[in-house]
Amino acid sequence: TENMLDMVALTDMEGNFTYAGKAHEILGYKPG
């Protein structure tokens, strides 16, 4: 997940992030 071009995320059923791969840094956010 940290080396693929796609952004991958996992949420609970309400849409709260429980995992956000490193690719989300594309959006400019810090890890975690």
PDB file of all heavy atoms in Angstrom:
ATOM      1  N   THR A   1       0.807  -1.225   0.000  1.00  0.00           N
ATOM      2  CA  THR A   1       0.000   0.000   0.000  1.00  0.00           C
ATOM      3  C   THR A   1       0.837   1.270   0.000  1.00  0.00           C
ATOM      4  O   THR A   1       0.405   2.289  -0.505  1.00  0.00           O
ATOM      5  CB  THR A   1      -0.974   0.035   1.199  1.00  0.00           C
ATOM      6  OG1 THR A   1      -0.251  -0.054   2.413  1.00  0.00           O
ATOM      7  CG2 THR A   1      -1.988  -1.080   1.100  1.00  0.00           C
ATOM      8  N   GLU A   2       2.041   1.212   0.566  1.00  0.00           N
ATOM      9  CA  GLU A   2       2.865   2.405   0.610  1.00  0.00           C
ATOM     10  C   GLU A   2       3.688   2.614  -0.658  1.00  0.00           C
ATOM     11  O   GLU A   2       4.294   3.656  -0.832  1.00  0.00           O
ATOM     12  CB  GLU A   2       3.764   2.375   1.852  1.00  0.00           C
ATOM     13  CG  GLU A   2       2.945   2.519   3.127  1.00  0.00           C
ATOM     14  CD  GLU A   2       3.774   2.568   4.382  1.00  0.00           C
ATOM     15  OE1 GLU A   2       4.983   2.801   4.291  1.00  0.00           O
ATOM     16  OE2 GLU A   2       3.193   2.392   5.463  1.00  0.00           O
ATOM     17  N   ASN A   3       3.684   1.629  -1.543  1.00  0.00           N
ATOM     18  CA  ASN A   3       4.465   1.761  -2.773  1.00  0.00           C
ATOM     19  C   ASN A   3       3.617   1.685  -4.037  1.00  0.00           C
ATOM     20  O   ASN A   3       4.166   1.643  -5.130  1.00  0.00           O
ATOM     21  CB  ASN A   3       5.563   0.684  -2.809  1.00  0.00           C
ATOM     22  CG  ASN A   3       6.624   0.963  -1.780  1.00  0.00           C
ATOM     23  OD1 ASN A   3       7.372   1.912  -1.912  1.00  0.00           O
ATOM     24  ND2 ASN A   3       6.655   0.175  -0.730  1.00  0.00           N
ATOM     25  N   MET A   4       2.314   1.675  -3.886  1.00  0.00           N
ATOM     26  CA  MET A   4       1.469   1.661  -5.070  1.00  0.00           C
ATOM     27  C   MET A   4       1.064   3.081  -5.436  1.00  0.00           C
ATOM     28  O   MET A   4       1.159   3.994  -4.618  1.00  0.00           O
ATOM     29  CB  MET A   4       0.247   0.762  -4.850  1.00  0.00           C
ATOM     30  CG  MET A   4      -0.653   1.198  -3.720  1.00  0.00           C
ATOM     31  SD  MET A   4      -1.902  -0.025  -3.223  1.00  0.00           S
ATOM     32  CE  MET A   4      -2.745  -0.388  -4.698  1.00  0.00           C
ATOM     33  N   LEU A   5       0.671   3.259  -6.663  1.00  0.00           N
ATOM     34  CA  LEU A   5       0.292   4.593  -7.131  1.00  0.00           C
ATOM     35  C   LEU A   5      -1.071   5.011  -6.601  1.00  0.00           C
ATOM     36  O   LEU A   5      -1.335   6.193  -6.429  1.00  0.00           O
ATOM     37  CB  LEU A   5       0.303   4.635  -8.659  1.00  0.00           C
ATOM     38  CG  LEU A   5       1.674   4.385  -9.293  1.00  0.00           C
ATOM     39  CD1 LEU A   5       1.544   4.379 -10.808  1.00  0.00           C
ATOM     40  CD2 LEU A   5       2.682   5.413  -8.838  1.00  0.00           C
ATOM     41  N   ASP A   6      -1.947   4.051  -6.346  1.00  0.00           N
ATOM     42  CA  ASP A   6      -3.271   4.360  -5.808  1.00  0.00           C
ATOM     43  C   ASP A   6      -3.171   4.723  -4.335  1.00  0.00           C
ATOM     44  O   ASP A   6      -2.282   4.267  -3.627  1.00  0.00           O
ATOM     45  CB  ASP A   6      -4.211   3.163  -5.935  1.00  0.00           C
ATOM     46  CG  ASP A   6      -4.659   2.904  -7.358  1.00  0.00           C
ATOM     47  OD1 ASP A   6      -4.359   3.736  -8.228  1.00  0.00           O
ATOM     48  OD2 ASP A   6      -5.304   1.876  -7.588  1.00  0.00           O
ATOM     49  N   MET A   7      -4.113   5.548  -3.893  1.00  0.00           N
ATOM     50  CA  MET A   7      -4.249   5.821  -2.474  1.00  0.00           C
ATOM     51  C   MET A   7      -5.178   4.752  -1.923  1.00  0.00           C
ATOM     52  O   MET A   7      -6.213   4.461  -2.506  1.00  0.00           O
ATOM     53  CB  MET A   7      -4.832   7.205  -2.239  1.00  0.00           C
ATOM     54  CG  MET A   7      -3.884   8.325  -2.619  1.00  0.00           C
ATOM     55  SD  MET A   7      -4.529   9.949  -2.180  1.00  0.00           S
ATOM     56  CE  MET A   7      -5.768  10.180  -3.442  1.00  0.00           C
ATOM     57  N   VAL A   8      -4.814   4.172  -0.797  1.00  0.00           N
ATOM     58  CA  VAL A   8      -5.613   3.133  -0.166  1.00  0.00           C
ATOM     59  C   VAL A   8      -5.933   3.567   1.256  1.00  0.00           C
ATOM     60  O   VAL A   8      -5.053   4.042   1.974  1.00  0.00           O
ATOM     61  CB  VAL A   8      -4.864   1.782  -0.147  1.00  0.00           C
ATOM     62  CG1 VAL A   8      -5.673   0.721   0.576  1.00  0.00           C
ATOM     63  CG2 VAL A   8      -4.557   1.333  -1.564  1.00  0.00           C
ATOM     64  N   ALA A   9      -7.211   3.393   1.628  1.00  0.00           N
ATOM     65  CA  ALA A   9      -7.628   3.744   2.986  1.00  0.00           C
ATOM     66  C   ALA A   9      -8.651   2.727   3.462  1.00  0.00           C
ATOM     67  O   ALA A   9      -9.352   2.104   2.672  1.00  0.00           O
ATOM     68  CB  ALA A   9      -8.236   5.143   3.013  1.00  0.00           C
ATOM     69  N   LEU A  10      -8.728   2.596   4.783  1.00  0.00           N
ATOM     70  CA  LEU A  10      -9.697   1.724   5.423  1.00  0.00           C
ATOM     71  C   LEU A  10     -10.440   2.570   6.439  1.00  0.00           C
ATOM     72  O   LEU A  10      -9.822   3.342   7.173  1.00  0.00           O
ATOM     73  CB  LEU A  10      -8.959   0.572   6.115  1.00  0.00           C
ATOM     74  CG  LEU A  10      -9.773  -0.589   6.638  1.00  0.00           C
ATOM     75  CD1 LEU A  10     -10.445  -1.343   5.488  1.00  0.00           C
ATOM     76  CD2 LEU A  10      -8.865  -1.555   7.396  1.00  0.00           C
ATOM     77  N   THR A  11     -11.773   2.427   6.451  1.00  0.00           N
ATOM     78  CA  THR A  11     -12.580   3.171   7.419  1.00  0.00           C
ATOM     79  C   THR A  11     -13.503   2.213   8.145  1.00  0.00           C
ATOM     80  O   THR A  11     -13.726   1.087   7.710  1.00  0.00           O
ATOM     81  CB  THR A  11     -13.460   4.249   6.737  1.00  0.00           C
ATOM     82  OG1 THR A  11     -14.513   3.614   6.012  1.00  0.00           O
ATOM     83  CG2 THR A  11     -12.649   5.158   5.841  1.00  0.00           C
ATOM     84  N   ASP A  12     -14.072   2.705   9.251  1.00  0.00           N
ATOM     85  CA  ASP A  12     -15.139   1.950   9.890  1.00  0.00           C
ATOM     86  C   ASP A  12     -16.409   2.191   9.064  1.00  0.00           C
ATOM     87  O   ASP A  12     -16.367   2.872   8.032  1.00  0.00           O
ATOM     88  CB  ASP A  12     -15.305   2.352  11.362  1.00  0.00           C
ATOM     89  CG  ASP A  12     -15.635   3.829  11.570  1.00  0.00           C
ATOM     90  OD1 ASP A  12     -16.094   4.506  10.626  1.00  0.00           O
ATOM     91  OD2 ASP A  12     -15.425   4.307  12.698  1.00  0.00           O
ATOM     92  N   MET A  13     -17.526   1.661   9.488  1.00  0.00           N
ATOM     93  CA  MET A  13     -18.759   1.767   8.698  1.00  0.00           C
ATOM     94  C   MET A  13     -19.346   3.179   8.723  1.00  0.00           C
ATOM     95  O   MET A  13     -20.233   3.482   7.938  1.00  0.00           O
ATOM     96  CB  MET A  13     -19.793   0.733   9.181  1.00  0.00           C
ATOM     97  CG  MET A  13     -19.380  -0.701   8.932  1.00  0.00           C
ATOM     98  SD  MET A  13     -18.988  -1.077   7.188  1.00  0.00           S
ATOM     99  CE  MET A  13     -20.602  -0.902   6.437  1.00  0.00           C
ATOM    100  N   GLU A  14     -18.837   4.049   9.583  1.00  0.00           N
ATOM    101  CA  GLU A  14     -19.286   5.449   9.616  1.00  0.00           C
ATOM    102  C   GLU A  14     -18.394   6.341   8.766  1.00  0.00           C
ATOM    103  O   GLU A  14     -18.642   7.536   8.649  1.00  0.00           O
ATOM    104  CB  GLU A  14     -19.335   5.970  11.056  1.00  0.00           C
ATOM    105  CG  GLU A  14     -20.456   5.387  11.896  1.00  0.00           C
ATOM    106  CD  GLU A  14     -20.164   3.966  12.360  1.00  0.00           C
ATOM    107  OE1 GLU A  14     -19.012   3.678  12.746  1.00  0.00           O
ATOM    108  OE2 GLU A  14     -21.078   3.131  12.314  1.00  0.00           O
ATOM    109  N   GLY A  15     -17.312   5.783   8.207  1.00  0.00           N
ATOM    110  CA  GLY A  15     -16.425   6.561   7.358  1.00  0.00           C
ATOM    111  C   GLY A  15     -15.240   7.180   8.082  1.00  0.00           C
ATOM    112  O   GLY A  15     -14.561   8.042   7.530  1.00  0.00           O
ATOM    113  N   ASN A  16     -14.944   6.743   9.312  1.00  0.00           N
ATOM    114  CA  ASN A  16     -13.793   7.248  10.056  1.00  0.00           C
ATOM    115  C   ASN A  16     -12.553   6.445   9.681  1.00  0.00           C
ATOM    116  O   ASN A  16     -12.568   5.213   9.760  1.00  0.00           O
ATOM    117  CB  ASN A  16     -14.040   7.156  11.559  1.00  0.00           C
ATOM    118  CG  ASN A  16     -15.243   7.971  11.971  1.00  0.00           C
ATOM    119  OD1 ASN A  16     -15.329   9.149  11.665  1.00  0.00           O
ATOM    120  ND2 ASN A  16     -16.177   7.336  12.640  1.00  0.00           N
ATOM    121  N   PHE A  17     -11.497   7.137   9.266  1.00  0.00           N
ATOM    122  CA  PHE A  17     -10.270   6.471   8.854  1.00  0.00           C
ATOM    123  C   PHE A  17      -9.696   5.618   9.977  1.00  0.00           C
ATOM    124  O   PHE A  17      -9.517   6.099  11.107  1.00  0.00           O
ATOM    125  CB  PHE A  17      -9.193   7.489   8.451  1.00  0.00           C
ATOM    126  CG  PHE A  17      -9.420   8.143   7.123  1.00  0.00           C
ATOM    127  CD1 PHE A  17      -9.876   9.451   7.050  1.00  0.00           C
ATOM    128  CD2 PHE A  17      -9.167   7.465   5.939  1.00  0.00           C
ATOM    129  CE1 PHE A  17     -10.063  10.071   5.824  1.00  0.00           C
ATOM    130  CE2 PHE A  17      -9.352   8.073   4.711  1.00  0.00           C
ATOM    131  CZ  PHE A  17      -9.809   9.386   4.650  1.00  0.00           C
ATOM    132  N   THR A  18      -9.386   4.352   9.674  1.00  0.00           N
ATOM    133  CA  THR A  18      -8.659   3.483  10.603  1.00  0.00           C
ATOM    134  C   THR A  18      -7.294   3.138  10.017  1.00  0.00           C
ATOM    135  O   THR A  18      -6.410   2.703  10.735  1.00  0.00           O
ATOM    136  CB  THR A  18      -9.440   2.189  10.909  1.00  0.00           C
ATOM    137  OG1 THR A  18      -9.694   1.491   9.685  1.00  0.00           O
ATOM    138  CG2 THR A  18     -10.757   2.502  11.616  1.00  0.00           C
ATOM    139  N   TYR A  19      -7.136   3.338   8.717  1.00  0.00           N
ATOM    140  CA  TYR A  19      -5.853   3.133   8.040  1.00  0.00           C
ATOM    141  C   TYR A  19      -5.829   4.073   6.841  1.00  0.00           C
ATOM    142  O   TYR A  19      -6.820   4.202   6.126  1.00  0.00           O
ATOM    143  CB  TYR A  19      -5.706   1.678   7.571  1.00  0.00           C
ATOM    144  CG  TYR A  19      -4.472   1.469   6.711  1.00  0.00           C
ATOM    145  CD1 TYR A  19      -3.237   1.245   7.296  1.00  0.00           C
ATOM    146  CD2 TYR A  19      -4.538   1.530   5.322  1.00  0.00           C
ATOM    147  CE1 TYR A  19      -2.096   1.079   6.522  1.00  0.00           C
ATOM    148  CE2 TYR A  19      -3.405   1.366   4.545  1.00  0.00           C
ATOM    149  CZ  TYR A  19      -2.191   1.139   5.141  1.00  0.00           C
ATOM    150  OH  TYR A  19      -1.067   0.987   4.378  1.00  0.00           O
ATOM    151  N   ALA A  20      -4.721   4.727   6.650  1.00  0.00           N
ATOM    152  CA  ALA A  20      -4.526   5.572   5.469  1.00  0.00           C
ATOM    153  C   ALA A  20      -3.086   5.381   5.027  1.00  0.00           C
ATOM    154  O   ALA A  20      -2.163   5.780   5.717  1.00  0.00           O
ATOM    155  CB  ALA A  20      -4.811   7.040   5.792  1.00  0.00           C
ATOM    156  N   GLY A  21      -2.921   4.723   3.904  1.00  0.00           N
ATOM    157  CA  GLY A  21      -1.571   4.435   3.413  1.00  0.00           C
ATOM    158  C   GLY A  21      -0.767   5.693   3.149  1.00  0.00           C
ATOM    159  O   GLY A  21      -1.282   6.809   3.094  1.00  0.00           O
ATOM    160  N   LYS A  22       0.502   5.481   2.974  1.00  0.00           N
ATOM    161  CA  LYS A  22       1.439   6.580   2.755  1.00  0.00           C
ATOM    162  C   LYS A  22       1.069   7.414   1.529  1.00  0.00           C
ATOM    163  O   LYS A  22       1.388   8.600   1.452  1.00  0.00           O
ATOM    164  CB  LYS A  22       2.843   6.004   2.604  1.00  0.00           C
ATOM    165  CG  LYS A  22       3.923   7.022   2.501  1.00  0.00           C
ATOM    166  CD  LYS A  22       5.286   6.359   2.444  1.00  0.00           C
ATOM    167  CE  LYS A  22       6.368   7.400   2.345  1.00  0.00           C
ATOM    168  NZ  LYS A  22       7.685   6.793   2.289  1.00  0.00           N
ATOM    169  N   ALA A  23       0.385   6.794   0.568  1.00  0.00           N
ATOM    170  CA  ALA A  23       0.015   7.514  -0.645  1.00  0.00           C
ATOM    171  C   ALA A  23      -0.860   8.734  -0.352  1.00  0.00           C
ATOM    172  O   ALA A  23      -0.933   9.652  -1.164  1.00  0.00           O
ATOM    173  CB  ALA A  23      -0.702   6.571  -1.619  1.00  0.00           C
ATOM    174  N   HIS A  24      -1.509   8.782   0.816  1.00  0.00           N
ATOM    175  CA  HIS A  24      -2.329   9.953   1.147  1.00  0.00           C
ATOM    176  C   HIS A  24      -1.488  11.212   1.336  1.00  0.00           C
ATOM    177  O   HIS A  24      -2.015  12.307   1.414  1.00  0.00           O
ATOM    178  CB  HIS A  24      -3.197   9.676   2.373  1.00  0.00           C
ATOM    179  CG  HIS A  24      -4.443   8.951   2.000  1.00  0.00           C
ATOM    180  ND1 HIS A  24      -4.463   7.601   1.760  1.00  0.00           N
ATOM    181  CD2 HIS A  24      -5.685   9.397   1.766  1.00  0.00           C
ATOM    182  CE1 HIS A  24      -5.686   7.252   1.425  1.00  0.00           C
ATOM    183  NE2 HIS A  24      -6.436   8.318   1.412  1.00  0.00           N
ATOM    184  N   GLU A  25      -0.183  11.014   1.392  1.00  0.00           N
ATOM    185  CA  GLU A  25       0.693  12.177   1.457  1.00  0.00           C
ATOM    186  C   GLU A  25       0.600  12.977   0.158  1.00  0.00           C
ATOM    187  O   GLU A  25       0.996  14.142   0.115  1.00  0.00           O
ATOM    188  CB  GLU A  25       2.119  11.748   1.763  1.00  0.00           C
ATOM    189  CG  GLU A  25       2.245  11.179   3.175  1.00  0.00           C
ATOM    190  CD  GLU A  25       3.627  10.639   3.481  1.00  0.00           C
ATOM    191  OE1 GLU A  25       4.613  11.037   2.841  1.00  0.00           O
ATOM    192  OE2 GLU A  25       3.717   9.799   4.393  1.00  0.00           O
ATOM    193  N   ILE A  26       0.058  12.354  -0.910  1.00  0.00           N
ATOM    194  CA  ILE A  26      -0.190  13.072  -2.162  1.00  0.00           C
ATOM    195  C   ILE A  26      -1.073  14.284  -1.891  1.00  0.00           C
ATOM    196  O   ILE A  26      -0.948  15.326  -2.526  1.00  0.00           O
ATOM    197  CB  ILE A  26      -0.864  12.145  -3.207  1.00  0.00           C
ATOM    198  CG1 ILE A  26       0.103  11.040  -3.632  1.00  0.00           C
ATOM    199  CG2 ILE A  26      -1.400  12.922  -4.401  1.00  0.00           C
ATOM    200  CD1 ILE A  26      -0.547   9.922  -4.426  1.00  0.00           C
ATOM    201  N   LEU A  27      -1.960  14.130  -0.913  1.00  0.00           N
ATOM    202  CA  LEU A  27      -2.856  15.226  -0.545  1.00  0.00           C
ATOM    203  C   LEU A  27      -2.169  16.254   0.343  1.00  0.00           C
ATOM    204  O   LEU A  27      -2.750  17.274   0.676  1.00  0.00           O
ATOM    205  CB  LEU A  27      -4.093  14.665   0.173  1.00  0.00           C
ATOM    206  CG  LEU A  27      -4.936  13.679  -0.639  1.00  0.00           C
ATOM    207  CD1 LEU A  27      -5.953  13.002   0.254  1.00  0.00           C
ATOM    208  CD2 LEU A  27      -5.594  14.363  -1.809  1.00  0.00           C
ATOM    209  N   GLY A  28      -0.930  15.978   0.725  1.00  0.00           N
ATOM    210  CA  GLY A  28      -0.158  16.929   1.524  1.00  0.00           C
ATOM    211  C   GLY A  28      -0.239  16.710   3.017  1.00  0.00           C
ATOM    212  O   GLY A  28       0.343  17.466   3.791  1.00  0.00           O
ATOM    213  N   TYR A  29      -0.964  15.673   3.458  1.00  0.00           N
ATOM    214  CA  TYR A  29      -1.114  15.434   4.894  1.00  0.00           C
ATOM    215  C   TYR A  29       0.057  14.633   5.444  1.00  0.00           C
ATOM    216  O   TYR A  29       0.631  13.798   4.765  1.00  0.00           O
ATOM    217  CB  TYR A  29      -2.428  14.706   5.175  1.00  0.00           C
ATOM    218  CG  TYR A  29      -3.631  15.524   4.774  1.00  0.00           C
ATOM    219  CD1 TYR A  29      -4.409  15.170   3.679  1.00  0.00           C
ATOM    220  CD2 TYR A  29      -3.970  16.673   5.477  1.00  0.00           C
ATOM    221  CE1 TYR A  29      -5.504  15.930   3.297  1.00  0.00           C
ATOM    222  CE2 TYR A  29      -5.059  17.445   5.098  1.00  0.00           C
ATOM    223  CZ  TYR A  29      -5.830  17.071   4.017  1.00  0.00           C
ATOM    224  OH  TYR A  29      -6.897  17.833   3.640  1.00  0.00           O
ATOM    225  N   LYS A  30       0.388  14.912   6.680  1.00  0.00           N
ATOM    226  CA  LYS A  30       1.456  14.178   7.350  1.00  0.00           C
ATOM    227  C   LYS A  30       0.988  12.755   7.642  1.00  0.00           C
ATOM    228  O   LYS A  30      -0.211  12.513   7.793  1.00  0.00           O
ATOM    229  CB  LYS A  30       1.821  14.880   8.656  1.00  0.00           C
ATOM    230  CG  LYS A  30       2.517  16.210   8.460  1.00  0.00           C
ATOM    231  CD  LYS A  30       2.898  16.795   9.812  1.00  0.00           C
ATOM    232  CE  LYS A  30       3.790  17.968   9.767  1.00  0.00           C
ATOM    233  NZ  LYS A  30       3.613  19.060   8.956  1.00  0.00           N
ATOM    234  N   PRO A  31       1.936  11.816   7.755  1.00  0.00           N
ATOM    235  CA  PRO A  31       1.571  10.435   8.087  1.00  0.00           C
ATOM    236  C   PRO A  31       0.732  10.384   9.365  1.00  0.00           C
ATOM    237  O   PRO A  31       1.050  11.038  10.351  1.00  0.00           O
ATOM    238  CB  PRO A  31       2.910   9.735   8.293  1.00  0.00           C
ATOM    239  CG  PRO A  31       3.881  10.544   7.505  1.00  0.00           C
ATOM    240  CD  PRO A  31       3.388  11.957   7.588  1.00  0.00           C
ATOM    241  N   GLY A  32      -0.346   9.641   9.309  1.00  0.00           N
ATOM    242  CA  GLY A  32      -1.211   9.466  10.467  1.00  0.00           C
ATOM    243  C   GLY A  32      -2.234  10.557  10.682  1.00  0.00           C
ATOM    244  O   GLY A  32      -3.125  10.408  11.518  1.00  0.00           O
TER     245      GLY A  32
END
